[in-house]
C-alpha atoms as a PDB file:
ATOM      1  CA  UNK A   1     192.548 -13.163  95.641  1.00  0.00           C
ATOM      2  CA  UNK A   2     190.232 -10.285  94.681  1.00  0.00           C
ATOM      3  CA  UNK A   3     187.000 -10.763  92.751  1.00  0.00           C
ATOM      4  CA  UNK A   4     188.403  -9.337  89.503  1.00  0.00           C
ATOM      5  CA  UNK A   5     191.146 -11.974  89.622  1.00  0.00           C
ATOM      6  CA  UNK A   6     188.573 -14.657  90.402  1.00  0.00           C
ATOM      7  CA  UNK A   7     186.588 -13.676  87.309  1.00  0.00           C
ATOM      8  CA  UNK A   8     189.700 -13.838  85.152  1.00  0.00           C
ATOM      9  CA  UNK A   9     190.524 -17.274  86.587  1.00  0.00           C
ATOM     10  CA  UNK A  10     186.987 -18.364  85.818  1.00  0.00           C
ATOM     11  CA  UNK A  11     187.511 -17.223  82.256  1.00  0.00           C
ATOM     12  CA  UNK A  12     190.952 -18.732  81.905  1.00  0.00           C
ATOM     13  CA  UNK A  13     189.587 -22.076  80.844  1.00  0.00           C
ATOM     14  CA  UNK A  14     187.583 -20.353  78.106  1.00  0.00           C
ATOM     15  CA  UNK A  15     190.650 -19.050  76.303  1.00  0.00           C
ATOM     16  CA  UNK A  16     193.379 -21.579  77.011  1.00  0.00           C
ATOM     17  CA  UNK A  17     191.474 -24.826  76.932  1.00  0.00           C
ATOM     18  CA  UNK A  18     193.082 -27.666  74.997  1.00  0.00           C
ATOM     19  CA  UNK A  19     189.809 -27.849  73.087  1.00  0.00           C
ATOM     20  CA  UNK A  20     190.436 -24.302  71.899  1.00  0.00           C
ATOM     21  CA  UNK A  21     194.119 -24.602  70.946  1.00  0.00           C
ATOM     22  CA  UNK A  22     194.512 -28.237  69.950  1.00  0.00           C
ATOM     23  CA  UNK A  23     191.386 -29.114  67.976  1.00  0.00           C
ATOM     24  CA  UNK A  24     193.234 -29.822  64.714  1.00  0.00           C
ATOM     25  CA  UNK A  25     195.729 -32.152  66.381  1.00  0.00           C
ATOM     26  CA  UNK A  26     192.980 -33.987  68.229  1.00  0.00           C
ATOM     27  CA  UNK A  27     190.924 -34.531  65.112  1.00  0.00           C
ATOM     28  CA  UNK A  28     193.896 -36.181  63.454  1.00  0.00           C
ATOM     29  CA  UNK A  29     194.913 -38.333  66.416  1.00  0.00           C
ATOM     30  CA  UNK A  30     191.456 -39.497  67.429  1.00  0.00           C
ATOM     31  CA  UNK A  31     191.074 -42.087  64.667  1.00  0.00           C
ATOM     32  CA  UNK A  32     192.229 -44.935  66.960  1.00  0.00           C
ATOM     33  CA  UNK A  33     189.654 -45.427  69.740  1.00  0.00           C
ATOM     34  CA  UNK A  34     191.061 -48.580  71.361  1.00  0.00           C
ATOM     35  CA  UNK A  35     190.747 -48.627  75.195  1.00  0.00           C
ATOM     36  CA  UNK A  36     194.519 -48.599  75.758  1.00  0.00           C
ATOM     37  CA  UNK A  37     195.339 -45.926  73.180  1.00  0.00           C
ATOM     38  CA  UNK A  38     196.838 -42.689  74.613  1.00  0.00           C
ATOM     39  CA  UNK A  39     197.387 -39.675  72.358  1.00  0.00           C
ATOM     40  CA  UNK A  40     199.777 -37.012  73.600  1.00  0.00           C
ATOM     41  CA  UNK A  41     199.706 -33.485  72.223  1.00  0.00           C
ATOM     42  CA  UNK A  42     201.562 -30.255  72.783  1.00  0.00           C
ATOM     43  CA  UNK A  43     201.667 -26.699  71.510  1.00  0.00           C
ATOM     44  CA  UNK A  44     203.653 -23.513  71.970  1.00  0.00           C
ATOM     45  CA  UNK A  45     202.108 -20.086  71.565  1.00  0.00           C
ATOM     46  CA  UNK A  46     203.822 -16.697  71.265  1.00  0.00           C
ATOM     47  CA  UNK A  47     201.493 -13.819  71.997  1.00  0.00           C
ATOM     48  CA  UNK A  48     201.737 -10.024  71.659  1.00  0.00           C
ATOM     49  CA  UNK A  49     198.919  -7.846  72.934  1.00  0.00           C
ATOM     50  CA  UNK A  50     197.967  -4.265  73.694  1.00  0.00           C
ATOM     51  CA  UNK A  51     195.375  -3.721  76.404  1.00  0.00           C
ATOM     52  CA  UNK A  52     193.491  -0.436  76.770  1.00  0.00           C
ATOM     53  CA  UNK A  53     191.631   0.055  80.031  1.00  0.00           C
ATOM     54  CA  UNK A  54     188.510   2.180  79.695  1.00  0.00           C
ATOM     55  CA  UNK A  55     186.167   3.905  82.107  1.00  0.00           C
ATOM     56  CA  UNK A  56     183.084   5.751  80.899  1.00  0.00           C
ATOM     57  CA  UNK A  57     184.473   5.492  77.332  1.00  0.00           C
ATOM     58  CA  UNK A  58     187.674   7.251  78.361  1.00  0.00           C
ATOM     59  CA  UNK A  59     191.020   5.464  78.064  1.00  0.00           C
ATOM     60  CA  UNK A  60     192.710   5.359  81.470  1.00  0.00           C
ATOM     61  CA  UNK A  61     195.740   3.128  80.767  1.00  0.00           C
ATOM     62  CA  UNK A  62     197.481   1.229  77.953  1.00  0.00           C
ATOM     63  CA  UNK A  63     199.673  -1.825  78.492  1.00  0.00           C
ATOM     64  CA  UNK A  64     201.678  -3.756  75.889  1.00  0.00           C
ATOM     65  CA  UNK A  65     202.451  -7.386  76.755  1.00  0.00           C
ATOM     66  CA  UNK A  66     204.485 -10.310  75.431  1.00  0.00           C
ATOM     67  CA  UNK A  67     203.890 -13.907  76.510  1.00  0.00           C
ATOM     68  CA  UNK A  68     204.860 -17.467  75.696  1.00  0.00           C
ATOM     69  CA  UNK A  69     202.421 -20.249  76.597  1.00  0.00           C
ATOM     70  CA  UNK A  70     203.220 -23.985  76.329  1.00  0.00           C
ATOM     71  CA  UNK A  71     200.492 -26.640  76.642  1.00  0.00           C
ATOM     72  CA  UNK A  72     200.947 -30.401  77.032  1.00  0.00           C
ATOM     73  CA  UNK A  73     198.143 -32.904  77.306  1.00  0.00           C
ATOM     74  CA  UNK A  74     196.815 -36.389  76.675  1.00  0.00           C
ATOM     75  CA  UNK A  75     193.613 -38.001  75.392  1.00  0.00           C
ATOM     76  CA  UNK A  76     192.799 -41.516  76.581  1.00  0.00           C
ATOM     77  CA  UNK A  77     190.134 -43.982  77.779  1.00  0.00           C
ATOM     78  CA  UNK A  78     188.556 -44.321  74.321  1.00  0.00           C
ATOM     79  CA  UNK A  79     188.860 -40.558  73.749  1.00  0.00           C
ATOM     80  CA  UNK A  80     186.614 -39.853  76.759  1.00  0.00           C
ATOM     81  CA  UNK A  81     189.249 -38.102  78.931  1.00  0.00           C
ATOM     82  CA  UNK A  82     191.213 -35.050  77.865  1.00  0.00           C
ATOM     83  CA  UNK A  83     193.641 -33.563  80.402  1.00  0.00           C
ATOM     84  CA  UNK A  84     196.234 -30.841  79.844  1.00  0.00           C
ATOM     85  CA  UNK A  85     198.768 -28.747  81.728  1.00  0.00           C
ATOM     86  CA  UNK A  86     199.343 -25.185  80.567  1.00  0.00           C
ATOM     87  CA  UNK A  87     201.606 -22.337  81.609  1.00  0.00           C
ATOM     88  CA  UNK A  88     202.067 -18.729  80.569  1.00  0.00           C
ATOM     89  CA  UNK A  89     205.140 -16.553  81.054  1.00  0.00           C
ATOM     90  CA  UNK A  90     204.674 -12.870  80.314  1.00  0.00           C
ATOM     91  CA  UNK A  91     206.165  -9.415  80.528  1.00  0.00           C
ATOM     92  CA  UNK A  92     204.967  -5.904  79.724  1.00  0.00           C
ATOM     93  CA  UNK A  93     206.206  -2.425  78.935  1.00  0.00           C
ATOM     94  CA  UNK A  94     205.646  -1.553  82.603  1.00  0.00           C
ATOM     95  CA  UNK A  95     208.222  -4.011  83.940  1.00  0.00           C
ATOM     96  CA  UNK A  96     211.471  -5.805  83.195  1.00  0.00           C
ATOM     97  CA  UNK A  97     211.904  -9.562  83.168  1.00  0.00           C
ATOM     98  CA  UNK A  98     209.080 -12.060  83.695  1.00  0.00           C
ATOM     99  CA  UNK A  99     206.171 -10.169  85.230  1.00  0.00           C
ATOM    100  CA  UNK A 100     203.407 -12.771  85.119  1.00  0.00           C
ATOM    101  CA  UNK A 101     203.324 -16.539  85.453  1.00  0.00           C
ATOM    102  CA  UNK A 102     200.241 -18.718  85.277  1.00  0.00           C
ATOM    103  CA  UNK A 103     199.955 -22.498  85.480  1.00  0.00           C
ATOM    104  CA  UNK A 104     196.884 -24.693  85.520  1.00  0.00           C
ATOM    105  CA  UNK A 105     195.458 -28.102  84.711  1.00  0.00           C
ATOM    106  CA  UNK A 106     192.181 -28.664  82.882  1.00  0.00           C
ATOM    107  CA  UNK A 107     190.425 -32.020  82.594  1.00  0.00           C
ATOM    108  CA  UNK A 108     187.300 -32.841  80.599  1.00  0.00           C
ATOM    109  CA  UNK A 109     185.618 -36.254  80.832  1.00  0.00           C
ATOM    110  CA  UNK A 110     183.035 -37.000  78.136  1.00  0.00           C
ATOM    111  CA  UNK A 111     180.852 -39.669  79.710  1.00  0.00           C
ATOM    112  CA  UNK A 112     178.326 -39.081  76.943  1.00  0.00           C
ATOM    113  CA  UNK A 113     179.209 -37.927  73.458  1.00  0.00           C
ATOM    114  CA  UNK A 114     177.146 -37.894  70.280  1.00  0.00           C
ATOM    115  CA  UNK A 115     177.616 -36.182  66.944  1.00  0.00           C
ATOM    116  CA  UNK A 116     176.344 -32.900  68.362  1.00  0.00           C
ATOM    117  CA  UNK A 117     176.465 -33.026  72.189  1.00  0.00           C
ATOM    118  CA  UNK A 118     178.996 -33.991  74.889  1.00  0.00           C
ATOM    119  CA  UNK A 119     178.489 -34.150  78.662  1.00  0.00           C
ATOM    120  CA  UNK A 120     180.591 -35.128  81.676  1.00  0.00           C
ATOM    121  CA  UNK A 121     182.693 -34.025  84.685  1.00  0.00           C
ATOM    122  CA  UNK A 122     185.011 -31.036  84.427  1.00  0.00           C
ATOM    123  CA  UNK A 123     187.867 -29.749  86.600  1.00  0.00           C
ATOM    124  CA  UNK A 124     190.179 -26.744  86.506  1.00  0.00           C
ATOM    125  CA  UNK A 125     193.114 -26.368  88.916  1.00  0.00           C
ATOM    126  CA  UNK A 126     195.099 -23.152  89.359  1.00  0.00           C
ATOM    127  CA  UNK A 127     198.631 -23.072  90.774  1.00  0.00           C
ATOM    128  CA  UNK A 128     200.461 -20.289  92.633  1.00  0.00           C
ATOM    129  CA  UNK A 129     202.375 -17.759  90.559  1.00  0.00           C
ATOM    130  CA  UNK A 130     205.302 -17.802  92.975  1.00  0.00           C
ATOM    131  CA  UNK A 131     205.695 -21.273  94.434  1.00  0.00           C
ATOM    132  CA  UNK A 132     203.812 -23.400  91.899  1.00  0.00           C
ATOM    133  CA  UNK A 133     201.774 -24.958  94.722  1.00  0.00           C
ATOM    134  CA  UNK A 134     198.084 -25.777  94.434  1.00  0.00           C
ATOM    135  CA  UNK A 135     195.780 -22.826  95.083  1.00  0.00           C
ATOM    136  CA  UNK A 136     192.253 -23.627  93.853  1.00  0.00           C
ATOM    137  CA  UNK A 137     190.368 -26.425  92.117  1.00  0.00           C
ATOM    138  CA  UNK A 138     187.026 -26.033  90.342  1.00  0.00           C
ATOM    139  CA  UNK A 139     184.873 -29.180  90.173  1.00  0.00           C
ATOM    140  CA  UNK A 140     181.753 -29.357  88.058  1.00  0.00           C
ATOM    141  CA  UNK A 141     180.343 -30.501  84.736  1.00  0.00           C
ATOM    142  CA  UNK A 142     180.797 -29.615  81.081  1.00  0.00           C
ATOM    143  CA  UNK A 143     177.877 -29.569  78.645  1.00  0.00           C
ATOM    144  CA  UNK A 144     178.899 -28.708  75.100  1.00  0.00           C
ATOM    145  CA  UNK A 145     177.395 -28.769  71.650  1.00  0.00           C
ATOM    146  CA  UNK A 146     178.648 -28.358  68.096  1.00  0.00           C
ATOM    147  CA  UNK A 147     176.752 -28.038  64.813  1.00  0.00           C
ATOM    148  CA  UNK A 148     178.220 -27.646  61.325  1.00  0.00           C
ATOM    149  CA  UNK A 149     176.402 -26.130  58.358  1.00  0.00           C
ATOM    150  CA  UNK A 150     177.866 -26.702  54.871  1.00  0.00           C
ATOM    151  CA  UNK A 151     177.319 -23.691  52.609  1.00  0.00           C
ATOM    152  CA  UNK A 152     178.115 -23.069  48.963  1.00  0.00           C
ATOM    153  CA  UNK A 153     180.459 -20.252  49.964  1.00  0.00           C
ATOM    154  CA  UNK A 154     182.166 -22.164  52.786  1.00  0.00           C
ATOM    155  CA  UNK A 155     181.726 -24.018  56.061  1.00  0.00           C
ATOM    156  CA  UNK A 156     179.865 -22.533  59.025  1.00  0.00           C
ATOM    157  CA  UNK A 157     179.994 -24.009  62.533  1.00  0.00           C
ATOM    158  CA  UNK A 158     178.202 -23.064  65.728  1.00  0.00           C
ATOM    159  CA  UNK A 159     179.402 -24.289  69.129  1.00  0.00           C
ATOM    160  CA  UNK A 160     178.470 -23.599  72.741  1.00  0.00           C
ATOM    161  CA  UNK A 161     179.165 -24.845  76.235  1.00  0.00           C
ATOM    162  CA  UNK A 162     178.288 -24.220  79.855  1.00  0.00           C
ATOM    163  CA  UNK A 163     180.456 -25.259  82.841  1.00  0.00           C
ATOM    164  CA  UNK A 164     178.859 -24.822  86.294  1.00  0.00           C
ATOM    165  CA  UNK A 165     181.162 -25.725  89.187  1.00  0.00           C
ATOM    166  CA  UNK A 166     182.174 -25.155  92.794  1.00  0.00           C
ATOM    167  CA  UNK A 167     185.629 -24.032  93.885  1.00  0.00           C
ATOM    168  CA  UNK A 168     187.794 -25.690  96.546  1.00  0.00           C
ATOM    169  CA  UNK A 169     190.516 -23.417  97.955  1.00  0.00           C
ATOM    170  CA  UNK A 170     193.870 -24.355  99.509  1.00  0.00           C
ATOM    171  CA  UNK A 171     194.827 -23.059 103.003  1.00  0.00           C
ATOM    172  CA  UNK A 172     197.153 -20.547 101.319  1.00  0.00           C
ATOM    173  CA  UNK A 173     194.388 -19.310  99.037  1.00  0.00           C
ATOM    174  CA  UNK A 174     192.011 -18.978 101.994  1.00  0.00           C
ATOM    175  CA  UNK A 175     194.630 -16.912 103.837  1.00  0.00           C
ATOM    176  CA  UNK A 176     195.213 -14.698 100.805  1.00  0.00           C
ATOM    177  CA  UNK A 177     191.469 -14.239 100.352  1.00  0.00           C
ATOM    178  CA  UNK A 178     190.645 -13.027 103.887  1.00  0.00           C
ATOM    179  CA  UNK A 179     188.102 -10.177 103.988  1.00  0.00           C
ATOM    180  CA  UNK A 180     186.575  -7.975 106.666  1.00  0.00           C
ATOM    181  CA  UNK A 181     182.941  -8.852 107.517  1.00  0.00           C
ATOM    182  CA  UNK A 182     180.139  -6.332 107.378  1.00  0.00           C
ATOM    183  CA  UNK A 183     180.185  -4.457 110.681  1.00  0.00           C
ATOM    184  CA  UNK A 184     176.840  -4.792 112.495  1.00  0.00           C
ATOM    185  CA  UNK A 185     178.337  -4.543 115.989  1.00  0.00           C
ATOM    186  CA  UNK A 186     177.774  -0.814 116.426  1.00  0.00           C
ATOM    187  CA  UNK A 187     181.460  -0.448 117.361  1.00  0.00           C
ATOM    188  CA  UNK A 188     183.430   1.599 114.857  1.00  0.00           C
ATOM    189  CA  UNK A 189     186.224  -0.421 113.269  1.00  0.00           C
ATOM    190  CA  UNK A 190     185.269  -3.322 115.556  1.00  0.00           C
ATOM    191  CA  UNK A 191     187.281  -1.478 118.227  1.00  0.00           C
ATOM    192  CA  UNK A 192     190.518  -2.709 116.616  1.00  0.00           C
ATOM    193  CA  UNK A 193     193.592  -0.560 116.002  1.00  0.00           C
ATOM    194  CA  UNK A 194     194.593  -2.555 112.911  1.00  0.00           C
ATOM    195  CA  UNK A 195     191.824  -3.148 110.310  1.00  0.00           C
ATOM    196  CA  UNK A 196     193.641  -6.309 109.179  1.00  0.00           C
ATOM    197  CA  UNK A 197     192.758  -7.936 112.514  1.00  0.00           C
ATOM    198  CA  UNK A 198     189.080  -7.835 111.558  1.00  0.00           C
ATOM    199  CA  UNK A 199     189.537  -9.960 108.438  1.00  0.00           C
ATOM    200  CA  UNK A 200     188.273 -13.545 108.480  1.00  0.00           C
ATOM    201  CA  UNK A 201     188.908 -16.585 106.348  1.00  0.00           C
ATOM    202  CA  UNK A 202     186.333 -17.654 103.815  1.00  0.00           C
ATOM    203  CA  UNK A 203     184.391 -20.663 105.113  1.00  0.00           C
ATOM    204  CA  UNK A 204     182.097 -21.360 102.156  1.00  0.00           C
ATOM    205  CA  UNK A 205     182.640 -22.382  98.543  1.00  0.00           C
ATOM    206  CA  UNK A 206     182.833 -20.028  95.589  1.00  0.00           C
ATOM    207  CA  UNK A 207     180.532 -20.975  92.717  1.00  0.00           C
ATOM    208  CA  UNK A 208     181.321 -20.300  89.071  1.00  0.00           C
ATOM    209  CA  UNK A 209     179.713 -20.751  85.663  1.00  0.00           C
ATOM    210  CA  UNK A 210     181.433 -20.318  82.302  1.00  0.00           C
ATOM    211  CA  UNK A 211     179.222 -19.934  79.241  1.00  0.00           C
ATOM    212  CA  UNK A 212     180.351 -19.641  75.632  1.00  0.00           C
ATOM    213  CA  UNK A 213     178.780 -19.397  72.212  1.00  0.00           C
ATOM    214  CA  UNK A 214     181.035 -19.311  69.137  1.00  0.00           C
ATOM    215  CA  UNK A 215     180.525 -18.906  65.397  1.00  0.00           C
ATOM    216  CA  UNK A 216     183.234 -19.875  62.873  1.00  0.00           C
ATOM    217  CA  UNK A 217     183.319 -19.544  59.104  1.00  0.00           C
ATOM    218  CA  UNK A 218     185.833 -21.062  56.665  1.00  0.00           C
ATOM    219  CA  UNK A 219     185.436 -19.586  53.146  1.00  0.00           C
ATOM    220  CA  UNK A 220     185.613 -22.092  50.292  1.00  0.00           C
ATOM    221  CA  UNK A 221     187.921 -19.805  48.300  1.00  0.00           C
ATOM    222  CA  UNK A 222     190.535 -19.901  51.096  1.00  0.00           C
ATOM    223  CA  UNK A 223     190.193 -22.921  53.352  1.00  0.00           C
ATOM    224  CA  UNK A 224     193.271 -22.004  55.393  1.00  0.00           C
ATOM    225  CA  UNK A 225     191.416 -18.941  56.670  1.00  0.00           C
ATOM    226  CA  UNK A 226     188.971 -19.024  59.616  1.00  0.00           C
ATOM    227  CA  UNK A 227     186.821 -16.102  60.749  1.00  0.00           C
ATOM    228  CA  UNK A 228     185.419 -16.307  64.259  1.00  0.00           C
ATOM    229  CA  UNK A 229     183.070 -14.472  66.600  1.00  0.00           C
ATOM    230  CA  UNK A 230     182.806 -15.627  70.230  1.00  0.00           C
ATOM    231  CA  UNK A 231     180.940 -14.393  73.308  1.00  0.00           C
ATOM    232  CA  UNK A 232     182.104 -15.675  76.710  1.00  0.00           C
ATOM    233  CA  UNK A 233     180.277 -14.973  79.967  1.00  0.00           C
ATOM    234  CA  UNK A 234     181.971 -15.841  83.283  1.00  0.00           C
ATOM    235  CA  UNK A 235     179.867 -15.654  86.447  1.00  0.00           C
ATOM    236  CA  UNK A 236     181.032 -16.021  90.050  1.00  0.00           C
ATOM    237  CA  UNK A 237     179.284 -16.066  93.405  1.00  0.00           C
ATOM    238  CA  UNK A 238     181.531 -15.172  96.370  1.00  0.00           C
ATOM    239  CA  UNK A 239     180.387 -15.553 100.020  1.00  0.00           C
ATOM    240  CA  UNK A 240     180.151 -12.423 102.181  1.00  0.00           C
ATOM    241  CA  UNK A 241     180.150 -12.331 105.989  1.00  0.00           C
ATOM    242  CA  UNK A 242     178.733 -10.116 108.734  1.00  0.00           C
ATOM    243  CA  UNK A 243     179.523  -9.691 112.418  1.00  0.00           C
ATOM    244  CA  UNK A 244     176.964  -8.611 115.018  1.00  0.00           C
ATOM    245  CA  UNK A 245     179.140  -9.348 118.048  1.00  0.00           C
ATOM    246  CA  UNK A 246     182.501 -10.571 119.282  1.00  0.00           C
ATOM    247  CA  UNK A 247     183.932 -13.934 120.260  1.00  0.00           C
ATOM    248  CA  UNK A 248     185.740 -14.698 123.534  1.00  0.00           C
ATOM    249  CA  UNK A 249     189.028 -13.305 122.182  1.00  0.00           C
ATOM    250  CA  UNK A 250     187.448  -9.987 121.238  1.00  0.00           C
ATOM    251  CA  UNK A 251     187.587 -10.650 117.482  1.00  0.00           C
ATOM    252  CA  UNK A 252     184.504 -10.116 115.307  1.00  0.00           C
ATOM    253  CA  UNK A 253     182.211 -13.149 115.444  1.00  0.00           C
ATOM    254  CA  UNK A 254     181.560 -13.481 111.716  1.00  0.00           C
ATOM    255  CA  UNK A 255     178.733 -15.466 110.173  1.00  0.00           C
ATOM    256  CA  UNK A 256     177.571 -16.022 106.617  1.00  0.00           C
ATOM    257  CA  UNK A 257     175.567 -13.133 105.179  1.00  0.00           C
ATOM    258  CA  UNK A 258     174.957 -13.658 101.453  1.00  0.00           C
ATOM    259  CA  UNK A 259     176.608 -14.450  98.135  1.00  0.00           C
ATOM    260  CA  UNK A 260     177.837 -11.537  96.043  1.00  0.00           C
ATOM    261  CA  UNK A 261     177.403 -12.079  92.311  1.00  0.00           C
ATOM    262  CA  UNK A 262     179.842 -10.904  89.670  1.00  0.00           C
ATOM    263  CA  UNK A 263     179.832 -11.269  85.884  1.00  0.00           C
ATOM    264  CA  UNK A 264     182.387 -10.686  83.132  1.00  0.00           C
ATOM    265  CA  UNK A 265     181.520 -10.632  79.410  1.00  0.00           C
ATOM    266  CA  UNK A 266     184.253 -11.151  76.815  1.00  0.00           C
ATOM    267  CA  UNK A 267     183.561 -10.632  73.115  1.00  0.00           C
ATOM    268  CA  UNK A 268     186.187 -11.866  70.638  1.00  0.00           C
ATOM    269  CA  UNK A 269     186.456 -11.336  66.872  1.00  0.00           C
ATOM    270  CA  UNK A 270     189.283 -13.340  65.317  1.00  0.00           C
ATOM    271  CA  UNK A 271     190.977 -14.140  62.026  1.00  0.00           C
ATOM    272  CA  UNK A 272     193.131 -17.291  61.880  1.00  0.00           C
ATOM    273  CA  UNK A 273     195.376 -18.401  59.037  1.00  0.00           C
ATOM    274  CA  UNK A 274     196.833 -21.908  58.877  1.00  0.00           C
ATOM    275  CA  UNK A 275     200.347 -21.465  57.466  1.00  0.00           C
ATOM    276  CA  UNK A 276     201.219 -25.174  57.630  1.00  0.00           C
ATOM    277  CA  UNK A 277     199.656 -28.248  59.230  1.00  0.00           C
ATOM    278  CA  UNK A 278     201.473 -27.330  62.458  1.00  0.00           C
ATOM    279  CA  UNK A 279     201.724 -23.512  62.462  1.00  0.00           C
ATOM    280  CA  UNK A 280     199.024 -20.853  62.422  1.00  0.00           C
ATOM    281  CA  UNK A 281     198.647 -17.105  62.885  1.00  0.00           C
ATOM    282  CA  UNK A 282     195.744 -15.457  64.687  1.00  0.00           C
ATOM    283  CA  UNK A 283     194.735 -11.815  65.018  1.00  0.00           C
ATOM    284  CA  UNK A 284     192.099 -11.098  67.636  1.00  0.00           C
ATOM    285  CA  UNK A 285     190.189  -8.147  69.039  1.00  0.00           C
ATOM    286  CA  UNK A 286     188.709  -8.613  72.523  1.00  0.00           C
ATOM    287  CA  UNK A 287     186.353  -6.600  74.666  1.00  0.00           C
ATOM    288  CA  UNK A 288     186.183  -7.250  78.437  1.00  0.00           C
ATOM    289  CA  UNK A 289     183.183  -5.733  80.208  1.00  0.00           C
ATOM    290  CA  UNK A 290     181.710  -6.090  83.694  1.00  0.00           C
ATOM    291  CA  UNK A 291     178.192  -7.471  83.903  1.00  0.00           C
ATOM    292  CA  UNK A 292     176.455  -8.571  80.718  1.00  0.00           C
ATOM    293  CA  UNK A 293     177.543  -5.818  78.332  1.00  0.00           C
ATOM    294  CA  UNK A 294     177.386  -3.301  81.154  1.00  0.00           C
ATOM    295  CA  UNK A 295     174.300  -4.643  82.909  1.00  0.00           C
ATOM    296  CA  UNK A 296     174.767  -6.192  86.356  1.00  0.00           C
ATOM    297  CA  UNK A 297     173.216  -9.442  87.503  1.00  0.00           C
ATOM    298  CA  UNK A 298     171.107  -7.394  89.902  1.00  0.00           C
ATOM    299  CA  UNK A 299     171.381  -3.677  89.191  1.00  0.00           C
ATOM    300  CA  UNK A 300     169.288  -2.827  92.256  1.00  0.00           C
ATOM    301  CA  UNK A 301     171.962  -3.987  94.695  1.00  0.00           C
ATOM    302  CA  UNK A 302     174.756  -1.780  95.935  1.00  0.00           C
ATOM    303  CA  UNK A 303     177.364  -4.434  95.030  1.00  0.00           C
ATOM    304  CA  UNK A 304     176.721  -3.865  91.369  1.00  0.00           C
ATOM    305  CA  UNK A 305     177.500  -0.159  91.215  1.00  0.00           C
ATOM    306  CA  UNK A 306     180.899   1.355  90.607  1.00  0.00           C
ATOM    307  CA  UNK A 307     182.255  -1.419  88.347  1.00  0.00           C
ATOM    308  CA  UNK A 308     179.803  -1.601  85.485  1.00  0.00           C
ATOM    309  CA  UNK A 309     181.352   1.283  83.520  1.00  0.00           C
ATOM    310  CA  UNK A 310     184.825  -0.310  83.523  1.00  0.00           C
ATOM    311  CA  UNK A 311     185.960  -2.261  80.487  1.00  0.00           C
ATOM    312  CA  UNK A 312     189.097  -3.192  78.568  1.00  0.00           C
ATOM    313  CA  UNK A 313     189.870  -3.500  74.868  1.00  0.00           C
ATOM    314  CA  UNK A 314     192.628  -5.881  73.821  1.00  0.00           C
ATOM    315  CA  UNK A 315     194.216  -6.354  70.408  1.00  0.00           C
ATOM    316  CA  UNK A 316     196.119  -9.645  70.291  1.00  0.00           C
ATOM    317  CA  UNK A 317     198.383 -11.307  67.735  1.00  0.00           C
ATOM    318  CA  UNK A 318     199.578 -14.892  68.215  1.00  0.00           C
ATOM    319  CA  UNK A 319     201.774 -17.418  66.471  1.00  0.00           C
ATOM    320  CA  UNK A 320     201.155 -20.985  67.609  1.00  0.00           C
ATOM    321  CA  UNK A 321     202.772 -24.272  66.708  1.00  0.00           C
ATOM    322  CA  UNK A 322     201.595 -27.829  67.366  1.00  0.00           C
ATOM    323  CA  UNK A 323     204.668 -29.634  68.713  1.00  0.00           C
ATOM    324  CA  UNK A 324     203.360 -33.194  68.468  1.00  0.00           C
END
């Protein structure tokens, strides 16, 4: 699992959360707060997108994609627990058949919830694209806030959340994520004929933080229309290793060196139209950029160079339906 993929996984919960796709259904079903009440919900989304990869303001590649994404979840324990399972099946103009498959579970527990603020444990579990087996689980907390401002011309709402967490990896994920340590032995290539033999398993946790701030406006002249502007920032810290000697078998004797920081900023402008109570259309323009709008967490370090100029622009159109 490379670091770009890890950043996208960290951001996955930002865009596919049941809170993001099922808010209307939840608002309707949350009237009954009895301890034994369980509300089930589900949705199906059809998505078409065009992604333009950029480097130094020059377009390097364009990919058109199609995807279908079902989500099924439940709200229970007096509306304090919200858990959902989501999947995404996609293809592109660069392949035939199903090219991508994603599956994950997200759970939010609101131990404390007021009119404006909610706080509690949070988990996000990713499953393998090929076998469907568990790969990684993020465990942490969710702190979110929401504030609505009634205006004469419409309704304005401001929301934000932060989700710091640590990541537990399965044995398969650890094997897939093996990396070569920094070579401080003075022996070129660690004296190994195959560079793959120098790679070691990760022995420390990854740490991640998702941050989001979102602004939505519903004009009074057309209450089925919602205009949105969202900024998402996903941060990861991945352990790096170094080897100054060799173990008894002649393999590099790796030890922890430092955490490498990475950041991804996603800016989204969206227009959503509610066709019926169950069906809506959304047009969205997204910008993906390394660092915080091109600035690294620590621009003085060598890790931060070489990726900051890369970005992607995505235009996305979706049709989604609440199933129940």
